[in-house]
PDB file of N, CA and C in Angstrom:
ATOM      1  N   UNK A   1    -164.140  -7.081 -84.928  1.00  0.00           N
ATOM      2  CA  UNK A   1    -164.776  -8.135 -84.055  1.00  0.00           C
ATOM      3  C   UNK A   1    -166.252  -7.703 -83.867  1.00  0.00           C
ATOM      4  N   UNK A   2    -167.124  -8.724 -83.926  1.00  0.00           N
ATOM      5  CA  UNK A   2    -168.570  -8.364 -83.720  1.00  0.00           C
ATOM      6  C   UNK A   2    -169.023  -8.854 -82.397  1.00  0.00           C
ATOM      7  N   UNK A   3    -170.198  -8.440 -82.029  1.00  0.00           N
ATOM      8  CA  UNK A   3    -170.777  -8.719 -80.687  1.00  0.00           C
ATOM      9  C   UNK A   3    -170.836 -10.213 -80.445  1.00  0.00           C
ATOM     10  N   UNK A   4    -171.098 -11.006 -81.405  1.00  0.00           N
ATOM     11  CA  UNK A   4    -171.306 -12.448 -81.194  1.00  0.00           C
ATOM     12  C   UNK A   4    -170.051 -13.081 -80.658  1.00  0.00           C
ATOM     13  N   UNK A   5    -168.918 -12.490 -80.857  1.00  0.00           N
ATOM     14  CA  UNK A   5    -167.661 -13.124 -80.348  1.00  0.00           C
ATOM     15  C   UNK A   5    -167.198 -12.506 -79.015  1.00  0.00           C
ATOM     16  N   UNK A   6    -168.035 -11.599 -78.508  1.00  0.00           N
ATOM     17  CA  UNK A   6    -167.664 -10.964 -77.280  1.00  0.00           C
ATOM     18  C   UNK A   6    -168.460 -11.498 -76.026  1.00  0.00           C
ATOM     19  N   UNK A   7    -167.999 -12.606 -75.538  1.00  0.00           N
ATOM     20  CA  UNK A   7    -168.648 -13.246 -74.434  1.00  0.00           C
ATOM     21  C   UNK A   7    -167.979 -12.886 -73.127  1.00  0.00           C
ATOM     22  N   UNK A   8    -168.818 -12.478 -72.140  1.00  0.00           N
ATOM     23  CA  UNK A   8    -168.259 -12.176 -70.840  1.00  0.00           C
ATOM     24  C   UNK A   8    -169.391 -12.121 -69.786  1.00  0.00           C
ATOM     25  N   UNK A   9    -168.984 -12.174 -68.528  1.00  0.00           N
ATOM     26  CA  UNK A   9    -169.911 -12.140 -67.439  1.00  0.00           C
ATOM     27  C   UNK A   9    -169.768 -10.789 -66.771  1.00  0.00           C
ATOM     28  N   UNK A  10    -170.910 -10.101 -66.418  1.00  0.00           N
ATOM     29  CA  UNK A  10    -170.848  -8.839 -65.754  1.00  0.00           C
ATOM     30  C   UNK A  10    -172.060  -8.637 -64.858  1.00  0.00           C
ATOM     31  N   UNK A  11    -171.889  -7.772 -63.903  1.00  0.00           N
ATOM     32  CA  UNK A  11    -173.054  -7.451 -63.018  1.00  0.00           C
ATOM     33  C   UNK A  11    -173.929  -6.453 -63.750  1.00  0.00           C
ATOM     34  N   UNK A  12    -175.140  -6.271 -63.219  1.00  0.00           N
ATOM     35  CA  UNK A  12    -176.087  -5.350 -63.959  1.00  0.00           C
ATOM     36  C   UNK A  12    -175.547  -3.938 -64.146  1.00  0.00           C
ATOM     37  N   UNK A  13    -174.793  -3.395 -63.157  1.00  0.00           N
ATOM     38  CA  UNK A  13    -174.249  -2.017 -63.347  1.00  0.00           C
ATOM     39  C   UNK A  13    -173.172  -1.939 -64.366  1.00  0.00           C
ATOM     40  N   UNK A  14    -172.595  -3.062 -64.822  1.00  0.00           N
ATOM     41  CA  UNK A  14    -171.623  -3.099 -65.806  1.00  0.00           C
ATOM     42  C   UNK A  14    -172.209  -3.351 -67.201  1.00  0.00           C
ATOM     43  N   UNK A  15    -173.501  -3.151 -67.362  1.00  0.00           N
ATOM     44  CA  UNK A  15    -174.182  -3.482 -68.593  1.00  0.00           C
ATOM     45  C   UNK A  15    -174.775  -2.144 -69.182  1.00  0.00           C
ATOM     46  N   UNK A  16    -174.932  -2.181 -70.517  1.00  0.00           N
ATOM     47  CA  UNK A  16    -175.706  -1.141 -71.166  1.00  0.00           C
ATOM     48  C   UNK A  16    -176.895  -1.814 -71.845  1.00  0.00           C
ATOM     49  N   UNK A  17    -177.988  -1.060 -71.761  1.00  0.00           N
ATOM     50  CA  UNK A  17    -179.178  -1.594 -72.416  1.00  0.00           C
ATOM     51  C   UNK A  17    -179.355  -0.961 -73.827  1.00  0.00           C
ATOM     52  N   UNK A  18    -180.100  -1.554 -74.621  1.00  0.00           N
ATOM     53  CA  UNK A  18    -180.356  -1.052 -75.960  1.00  0.00           C
ATOM     54  C   UNK A  18    -180.951   0.325 -75.869  1.00  0.00           C
ATOM     55  N   UNK A  19    -181.884   0.611 -74.937  1.00  0.00           N
ATOM     56  CA  UNK A  19    -182.477   1.896 -74.736  1.00  0.00           C
ATOM     57  C   UNK A  19    -181.452   2.927 -74.248  1.00  0.00           C
ATOM     58  N   UNK A  20    -180.579   2.546 -73.366  1.00  0.00           N
ATOM     59  CA  UNK A  20    -179.476   3.504 -72.985  1.00  0.00           C
ATOM     60  C   UNK A  20    -178.613   3.861 -74.147  1.00  0.00           C
ATOM     61  N   UNK A  21    -178.241   2.895 -74.958  1.00  0.00           N
ATOM     62  CA  UNK A  21    -177.417   3.133 -76.138  1.00  0.00           C
ATOM     63  C   UNK A  21    -178.147   4.072 -77.078  1.00  0.00           C
ATOM     64  N   UNK A  22    -179.442   3.877 -77.321  1.00  0.00           N
ATOM     65  CA  UNK A  22    -180.232   4.778 -78.186  1.00  0.00           C
ATOM     66  C   UNK A  22    -180.224   6.186 -77.686  1.00  0.00           C
ATOM     67  N   UNK A  23    -180.369   6.368 -76.333  1.00  0.00           N
ATOM     68  CA  UNK A  23    -180.292   7.709 -75.794  1.00  0.00           C
ATOM     69  C   UNK A  23    -178.972   8.385 -75.978  1.00  0.00           C
ATOM     70  N   UNK A  24    -177.909   7.578 -75.843  1.00  0.00           N
ATOM     71  CA  UNK A  24    -176.543   8.081 -76.046  1.00  0.00           C
ATOM     72  C   UNK A  24    -176.375   8.550 -77.496  1.00  0.00           C
ATOM     73  N   UNK A  25    -176.852   7.727 -78.426  1.00  0.00           N
ATOM     74  CA  UNK A  25    -176.776   8.120 -79.848  1.00  0.00           C
ATOM     75  C   UNK A  25    -177.492   9.424 -80.087  1.00  0.00           C
ATOM     76  N   UNK A  26    -178.714   9.504 -79.571  1.00  0.00           N
ATOM     77  CA  UNK A  26    -179.488  10.750 -79.747  1.00  0.00           C
ATOM     78  C   UNK A  26    -178.833  11.964 -79.175  1.00  0.00           C
ATOM     79  N   UNK A  27    -178.183  11.772 -77.975  1.00  0.00           N
ATOM     80  CA  UNK A  27    -177.380  12.896 -77.424  1.00  0.00           C
ATOM     81  C   UNK A  27    -176.234  13.357 -78.354  1.00  0.00           C
ATOM     82  N   UNK A  28    -175.552  12.381 -78.821  1.00  0.00           N
ATOM     83  CA  UNK A  28    -174.424  12.653 -79.696  1.00  0.00           C
ATOM     84  C   UNK A  28    -174.917  13.340 -80.980  1.00  0.00           C
ATOM     85  N   UNK A  29    -175.999  12.852 -81.558  1.00  0.00           N
ATOM     86  CA  UNK A  29    -176.507  13.427 -82.757  1.00  0.00           C
ATOM     87  C   UNK A  29    -176.983  14.885 -82.606  1.00  0.00           C
ATOM     88  N   UNK A  30    -177.560  15.110 -81.383  1.00  0.00           N
ATOM     89  CA  UNK A  30    -178.043  16.493 -81.114  1.00  0.00           C
ATOM     90  C   UNK A  30    -176.856  17.472 -81.134  1.00  0.00           C
ATOM     91  N   UNK A  31    -175.688  17.089 -80.627  1.00  0.00           N
ATOM     92  CA  UNK A  31    -174.533  17.885 -80.608  1.00  0.00           C
ATOM     93  C   UNK A  31    -173.787  17.885 -81.926  1.00  0.00           C
ATOM     94  N   UNK A  32    -173.709  16.755 -82.539  1.00  0.00           N
ATOM     95  CA  UNK A  32    -172.921  16.570 -83.787  1.00  0.00           C
ATOM     96  C   UNK A  32    -173.834  15.921 -84.886  1.00  0.00           C
ATOM     97  N   UNK A  33    -174.718  16.757 -85.475  1.00  0.00           N
ATOM     98  CA  UNK A  33    -175.623  16.216 -86.437  1.00  0.00           C
ATOM     99  C   UNK A  33    -174.873  15.754 -87.729  1.00  0.00           C
ATOM    100  N   UNK A  34    -175.565  14.924 -88.473  1.00  0.00           N
ATOM    101  CA  UNK A  34    -174.978  14.473 -89.738  1.00  0.00           C
ATOM    102  C   UNK A  34    -174.726  15.676 -90.619  1.00  0.00           C
ATOM    103  N   UNK A  35    -173.766  15.593 -91.499  1.00  0.00           N
ATOM    104  CA  UNK A  35    -173.363  16.741 -92.292  1.00  0.00           C
ATOM    105  C   UNK A  35    -173.088  16.310 -93.761  1.00  0.00           C
ATOM    106  N   UNK A  36    -173.173  17.287 -94.574  1.00  0.00           N
ATOM    107  CA  UNK A  36    -172.858  17.076 -96.048  1.00  0.00           C
ATOM    108  C   UNK A  36    -174.079  16.523 -96.776  1.00  0.00           C
ATOM    109  N   UNK A  37    -173.920  16.476 -98.127  1.00  0.00           N
ATOM    110  CA  UNK A  37    -174.999  15.987 -98.980  1.00  0.00           C
ATOM    111  C   UNK A  37    -175.283  14.546 -98.768  1.00  0.00           C
ATOM    112  N   UNK A  38    -174.258  13.768 -98.301  1.00  0.00           N
ATOM    113  CA  UNK A  38    -174.471  12.364 -98.080  1.00  0.00           C
ATOM    114  C   UNK A  38    -174.827  12.092 -96.609  1.00  0.00           C
ATOM    115  N   UNK A  39    -175.125  13.151 -95.761  1.00  0.00           N
ATOM    116  CA  UNK A  39    -175.545  12.979 -94.435  1.00  0.00           C
ATOM    117  C   UNK A  39    -174.613  12.152 -93.636  1.00  0.00           C
ATOM    118  N   UNK A  40    -173.293  12.402 -93.776  1.00  0.00           N
ATOM    119  CA  UNK A  40    -172.283  11.663 -93.039  1.00  0.00           C
ATOM    120  C   UNK A  40    -172.440  11.806 -91.542  1.00  0.00           C
ATOM    121  N   UNK A  41    -172.304  10.699 -90.835  1.00  0.00           N
ATOM    122  CA  UNK A  41    -172.406  10.759 -89.381  1.00  0.00           C
ATOM    123  C   UNK A  41    -171.124  11.106 -88.736  1.00  0.00           C
ATOM    124  N   UNK A  42    -171.166  11.737 -87.588  1.00  0.00           N
ATOM    125  CA  UNK A  42    -169.950  11.986 -86.811  1.00  0.00           C
ATOM    126  C   UNK A  42    -169.326  10.629 -86.440  1.00  0.00           C
ATOM    127  N   UNK A  43    -168.020  10.529 -86.386  1.00  0.00           N
ATOM    128  CA  UNK A  43    -167.381   9.272 -86.155  1.00  0.00           C
ATOM    129  C   UNK A  43    -167.884   8.586 -84.873  1.00  0.00           C
ATOM    130  N   UNK A  44    -168.087   9.300 -83.786  1.00  0.00           N
ATOM    131  CA  UNK A  44    -168.621   8.645 -82.535  1.00  0.00           C
ATOM    132  C   UNK A  44    -170.033   8.163 -82.721  1.00  0.00           C
ATOM    133  N   UNK A  45    -170.773   8.959 -83.327  1.00  0.00           N
ATOM    134  CA  UNK A  45    -172.191   8.562 -83.637  1.00  0.00           C
ATOM    135  C   UNK A  45    -172.205   7.292 -84.484  1.00  0.00           C
ATOM    136  N   UNK A  46    -171.388   7.258 -85.473  1.00  0.00           N
ATOM    137  CA  UNK A  46    -171.263   6.101 -86.318  1.00  0.00           C
ATOM    138  C   UNK A  46    -170.819   4.861 -85.539  1.00  0.00           C
ATOM    139  N   UNK A  47    -169.886   5.058 -84.680  1.00  0.00           N
ATOM    140  CA  UNK A  47    -169.383   3.954 -83.896  1.00  0.00           C
ATOM    141  C   UNK A  47    -170.481   3.359 -82.965  1.00  0.00           C
ATOM    142  N   UNK A  48    -171.257   4.257 -82.298  1.00  0.00           N
ATOM    143  CA  UNK A  48    -172.329   3.835 -81.390  1.00  0.00           C
ATOM    144  C   UNK A  48    -173.462   3.227 -82.255  1.00  0.00           C
ATOM    145  N   UNK A  49    -173.752   3.764 -83.436  1.00  0.00           N
ATOM    146  CA  UNK A  49    -174.782   3.269 -84.276  1.00  0.00           C
ATOM    147  C   UNK A  49    -174.454   1.871 -84.781  1.00  0.00           C
ATOM    148  N   UNK A  50    -173.198   1.586 -85.048  1.00  0.00           N
ATOM    149  CA  UNK A  50    -172.779   0.292 -85.438  1.00  0.00           C
ATOM    150  C   UNK A  50    -172.978  -0.724 -84.376  1.00  0.00           C
ATOM    151  N   UNK A  51    -172.664  -0.339 -83.152  1.00  0.00           N
ATOM    152  CA  UNK A  51    -172.877  -1.172 -81.982  1.00  0.00           C
ATOM    153  C   UNK A  51    -174.373  -1.429 -81.772  1.00  0.00           C
ATOM    154  N   UNK A  52    -175.149  -0.399 -81.932  1.00  0.00           N
ATOM    155  CA  UNK A  52    -176.608  -0.539 -81.819  1.00  0.00           C
ATOM    156  C   UNK A  52    -177.117  -1.521 -82.850  1.00  0.00           C
ATOM    157  N   UNK A  53    -176.681  -1.384 -84.067  1.00  0.00           N
ATOM    158  CA  UNK A  53    -177.080  -2.279 -85.111  1.00  0.00           C
ATOM    159  C   UNK A  53    -176.755  -3.726 -84.880  1.00  0.00           C
ATOM    160  N   UNK A  54    -175.547  -4.010 -84.300  1.00  0.00           N
ATOM    161  CA  UNK A  54    -175.114  -5.357 -84.005  1.00  0.00           C
ATOM    162  C   UNK A  54    -175.994  -5.888 -82.822  1.00  0.00           C
ATOM    163  N   UNK A  55    -176.353  -5.077 -81.869  1.00  0.00           N
ATOM    164  CA  UNK A  55    -177.202  -5.525 -80.782  1.00  0.00           C
ATOM    165  C   UNK A  55    -178.573  -5.968 -81.314  1.00  0.00           C
ATOM    166  N   UNK A  56    -179.105  -5.136 -82.245  1.00  0.00           N
ATOM    167  CA  UNK A  56    -180.353  -5.468 -82.897  1.00  0.00           C
ATOM    168  C   UNK A  56    -180.274  -6.780 -83.648  1.00  0.00           C
ATOM    169  N   UNK A  57    -179.222  -6.906 -84.451  1.00  0.00           N
ATOM    170  CA  UNK A  57    -178.986  -8.085 -85.286  1.00  0.00           C
ATOM    171  C   UNK A  57    -178.940  -9.368 -84.424  1.00  0.00           C
ATOM    172  N   UNK A  58    -178.238  -9.288 -83.287  1.00  0.00           N
ATOM    173  CA  UNK A  58    -178.047 -10.455 -82.451  1.00  0.00           C
ATOM    174  C   UNK A  58    -179.131 -10.583 -81.389  1.00  0.00           C
ATOM    175  N   UNK A  59    -180.091  -9.683 -81.460  1.00  0.00           N
ATOM    176  CA  UNK A  59    -181.235  -9.666 -80.555  1.00  0.00           C
ATOM    177  C   UNK A  59    -180.853  -9.585 -79.072  1.00  0.00           C
ATOM    178  N   UNK A  60    -179.936  -8.645 -78.814  1.00  0.00           N
ATOM    179  CA  UNK A  60    -179.442  -8.447 -77.470  1.00  0.00           C
ATOM    180  C   UNK A  60    -180.169  -7.209 -76.904  1.00  0.00           C
ATOM    181  N   UNK A  61    -180.610  -7.321 -75.670  1.00  0.00           N
ATOM    182  CA  UNK A  61    -181.256  -6.143 -74.980  1.00  0.00           C
ATOM    183  C   UNK A  61    -180.208  -5.494 -74.055  1.00  0.00           C
ATOM    184  N   UNK A  62    -179.155  -6.244 -73.686  1.00  0.00           N
ATOM    185  CA  UNK A  62    -178.109  -5.635 -72.922  1.00  0.00           C
ATOM    186  C   UNK A  62    -176.767  -6.167 -73.408  1.00  0.00           C
ATOM    187  N   UNK A  63    -175.691  -5.408 -73.005  1.00  0.00           N
ATOM    188  CA  UNK A  63    -174.324  -5.808 -73.416  1.00  0.00           C
ATOM    189  C   UNK A  63    -173.422  -5.365 -72.316  1.00  0.00           C
ATOM    190  N   UNK A  64    -172.494  -6.258 -71.990  1.00  0.00           N
ATOM    191  CA  UNK A  64    -171.498  -5.992 -70.984  1.00  0.00           C
ATOM    192  C   UNK A  64    -170.560  -4.884 -71.442  1.00  0.00           C
ATOM    193  N   UNK A  65    -170.275  -3.902 -70.567  1.00  0.00           N
ATOM    194  CA  UNK A  65    -169.347  -2.875 -70.889  1.00  0.00           C
ATOM    195  C   UNK A  65    -167.942  -3.460 -71.226  1.00  0.00           C
ATOM    196  N   UNK A  66    -167.599  -4.549 -70.621  1.00  0.00           N
ATOM    197  CA  UNK A  66    -166.331  -5.162 -70.797  1.00  0.00           C
ATOM    198  C   UNK A  66    -166.192  -5.767 -72.201  1.00  0.00           C
ATOM    199  N   UNK A  67    -167.282  -5.925 -72.937  1.00  0.00           N
ATOM    200  CA  UNK A  67    -167.287  -6.421 -74.293  1.00  0.00           C
ATOM    201  C   UNK A  67    -167.030  -5.346 -75.325  1.00  0.00           C
ATOM    202  N   UNK A  68    -166.991  -4.080 -74.886  1.00  0.00           N
ATOM    203  CA  UNK A  68    -166.767  -2.973 -75.829  1.00  0.00           C
ATOM    204  C   UNK A  68    -165.271  -2.794 -76.104  1.00  0.00           C
ATOM    205  N   UNK A  69    -164.990  -2.318 -77.287  1.00  0.00           N
ATOM    206  CA  UNK A  69    -163.614  -1.922 -77.574  1.00  0.00           C
ATOM    207  C   UNK A  69    -163.301  -0.638 -76.838  1.00  0.00           C
ATOM    208  N   UNK A  70    -162.019  -0.248 -76.761  1.00  0.00           N
ATOM    209  CA  UNK A  70    -161.678   0.983 -76.063  1.00  0.00           C
ATOM    210  C   UNK A  70    -162.404   2.186 -76.707  1.00  0.00           C
ATOM    211  N   UNK A  71    -162.429   2.270 -78.039  1.00  0.00           N
ATOM    212  CA  UNK A  71    -163.078   3.409 -78.653  1.00  0.00           C
ATOM    213  C   UNK A  71    -164.583   3.410 -78.446  1.00  0.00           C
ATOM    214  N   UNK A  72    -165.228   2.228 -78.394  1.00  0.00           N
ATOM    215  CA  UNK A  72    -166.647   2.118 -78.160  1.00  0.00           C
ATOM    216  C   UNK A  72    -166.934   2.540 -76.680  1.00  0.00           C
ATOM    217  N   UNK A  73    -166.119   2.085 -75.842  1.00  0.00           N
ATOM    218  CA  UNK A  73    -166.299   2.468 -74.320  1.00  0.00           C
ATOM    219  C   UNK A  73    -166.147   4.018 -74.162  1.00  0.00           C
ATOM    220  N   UNK A  74    -165.126   4.569 -74.773  1.00  0.00           N
ATOM    221  CA  UNK A  74    -164.954   5.997 -74.686  1.00  0.00           C
ATOM    222  C   UNK A  74    -166.108   6.787 -75.202  1.00  0.00           C
ATOM    223  N   UNK A  75    -166.643   6.352 -76.356  1.00  0.00           N
ATOM    224  CA  UNK A  75    -167.819   7.056 -76.894  1.00  0.00           C
ATOM    225  C   UNK A  75    -169.022   6.854 -76.028  1.00  0.00           C
ATOM    226  N   UNK A  76    -169.168   5.621 -75.544  1.00  0.00           N
ATOM    227  CA  UNK A  76    -170.303   5.345 -74.653  1.00  0.00           C
ATOM    228  C   UNK A  76    -170.246   6.185 -73.434  1.00  0.00           C
ATOM    229  N   UNK A  77    -169.082   6.280 -72.775  1.00  0.00           N
ATOM    230  CA  UNK A  77    -168.964   7.085 -71.574  1.00  0.00           C
ATOM    231  C   UNK A  77    -169.243   8.549 -71.829  1.00  0.00           C
ATOM    232  N   UNK A  78    -168.732   9.031 -72.928  1.00  0.00           N
ATOM    233  CA  UNK A  78    -168.958  10.458 -73.227  1.00  0.00           C
ATOM    234  C   UNK A  78    -170.429  10.796 -73.468  1.00  0.00           C
ATOM    235  N   UNK A  79    -171.137   9.967 -74.171  1.00  0.00           N
ATOM    236  CA  UNK A  79    -172.500  10.276 -74.515  1.00  0.00           C
ATOM    237  C   UNK A  79    -173.539   9.659 -73.707  1.00  0.00           C
ATOM    238  N   UNK A  80    -173.221   8.800 -72.798  1.00  0.00           N
ATOM    239  CA  UNK A  80    -174.200   8.194 -71.868  1.00  0.00           C
ATOM    240  C   UNK A  80    -174.519   9.154 -70.691  1.00  0.00           C
ATOM    241  N   UNK A  81    -173.617  10.127 -70.506  1.00  0.00           N
ATOM    242  CA  UNK A  81    -173.841  11.124 -69.438  1.00  0.00           C
ATOM    243  C   UNK A  81    -175.014  12.039 -69.759  1.00  0.00           C
ATOM    244  N   UNK A  82    -175.680  12.569 -68.752  1.00  0.00           N
ATOM    245  CA  UNK A  82    -176.650  13.575 -68.947  1.00  0.00           C
ATOM    246  C   UNK A  82    -175.983  14.810 -69.534  1.00  0.00           C
ATOM    247  N   UNK A  83    -176.641  15.630 -70.340  1.00  0.00           N
ATOM    248  CA  UNK A  83    -175.964  16.780 -70.854  1.00  0.00           C
ATOM    249  C   UNK A  83    -175.339  17.673 -69.856  1.00  0.00           C
ATOM    250  N   UNK A  84    -175.873  17.833 -68.673  1.00  0.00           N
ATOM    251  CA  UNK A  84    -175.247  18.746 -67.682  1.00  0.00           C
ATOM    252  C   UNK A  84    -173.961  18.164 -67.141  1.00  0.00           C
ATOM    253  N   UNK A  85    -173.678  16.794 -67.345  1.00  0.00           N
ATOM    254  CA  UNK A  85    -172.488  16.197 -66.829  1.00  0.00           C
ATOM    255  C   UNK A  85    -171.453  16.070 -67.955  1.00  0.00           C
ATOM    256  N   UNK A  86    -171.814  16.408 -69.170  1.00  0.00           N
ATOM    257  CA  UNK A  86    -170.843  16.272 -70.290  1.00  0.00           C
ATOM    258  C   UNK A  86    -169.881  17.480 -70.282  1.00  0.00           C
ATOM    259  N   UNK A  87    -168.726  17.233 -70.738  1.00  0.00           N
ATOM    260  CA  UNK A  87    -167.743  18.316 -71.003  1.00  0.00           C
ATOM    261  C   UNK A  87    -167.664  18.404 -72.513  1.00  0.00           C
ATOM    262  N   UNK A  88    -167.870  19.622 -72.975  1.00  0.00           N
ATOM    263  CA  UNK A  88    -167.820  19.795 -74.476  1.00  0.00           C
ATOM    264  C   UNK A  88    -166.416  20.236 -74.786  1.00  0.00           C
ATOM    265  N   UNK A  89    -165.641  19.408 -75.388  1.00  0.00           N
ATOM    266  CA  UNK A  89    -164.325  19.611 -75.797  1.00  0.00           C
ATOM    267  C   UNK A  89    -164.384  19.970 -77.315  1.00  0.00           C
ATOM    268  N   UNK A  90    -163.998  21.207 -77.648  1.00  0.00           N
ATOM    269  CA  UNK A  90    -164.053  21.548 -79.041  1.00  0.00           C
ATOM    270  C   UNK A  90    -163.073  20.780 -79.845  1.00  0.00           C
ATOM    271  N   UNK A  91    -163.396  20.424 -81.111  1.00  0.00           N
ATOM    272  CA  UNK A  91    -162.496  19.595 -81.889  1.00  0.00           C
ATOM    273  C   UNK A  91    -161.162  20.302 -82.170  1.00  0.00           C
ATOM    274  N   UNK A  92    -161.151  21.640 -82.227  1.00  0.00           N
ATOM    275  CA  UNK A  92    -159.898  22.371 -82.458  1.00  0.00           C
ATOM    276  C   UNK A  92    -159.689  23.371 -81.371  1.00  0.00           C
ATOM    277  N   UNK A  93    -159.191  22.951 -80.202  1.00  0.00           N
ATOM    278  CA  UNK A  93    -159.040  23.865 -79.037  1.00  0.00           C
ATOM    279  C   UNK A  93    -158.343  25.190 -79.340  1.00  0.00           C
ATOM    280  N   UNK A  94    -157.391  25.205 -80.278  1.00  0.00           N
ATOM    281  CA  UNK A  94    -156.726  26.447 -80.621  1.00  0.00           C
ATOM    282  C   UNK A  94    -157.590  27.466 -81.349  1.00  0.00           C
ATOM    283  N   UNK A  95    -158.715  27.093 -81.876  1.00  0.00           N
ATOM    284  CA  UNK A  95    -159.583  27.970 -82.641  1.00  0.00           C
ATOM    285  C   UNK A  95    -160.777  28.479 -81.777  1.00  0.00           C
ATOM    286  N   UNK A  96    -160.690  28.535 -80.509  1.00  0.00           N
ATOM    287  CA  UNK A  96    -161.788  29.012 -79.685  1.00  0.00           C
ATOM    288  C   UNK A  96    -162.025  30.465 -79.899  1.00  0.00           C
ATOM    289  N   UNK A  97    -163.330  30.823 -79.950  1.00  0.00           N
ATOM    290  CA  UNK A  97    -163.689  32.234 -80.133  1.00  0.00           C
ATOM    291  C   UNK A  97    -163.709  32.988 -78.809  1.00  0.00           C
TER     292      UNK A  97
END
């Protein structure tokens, strides 16, 4: 589903701006930089970047949180927080040093 088919009404506090989304992407990239010869993005970074691209394509400056998929909303919530508010969950909890 793309953004153009996600119509909904929301208050200002239930919206994300393009700038906020960009900051979230940058936070995620700082923690999980691209890897490999093909510079593969982390799955959450890729998900947020796709959302960002759709907002640009449809010339949206804001988007209702209710228009996001469950995965998009989870990624948004994780990376929209300031670094001091984030919890860093290792991908493999059993392999902690």
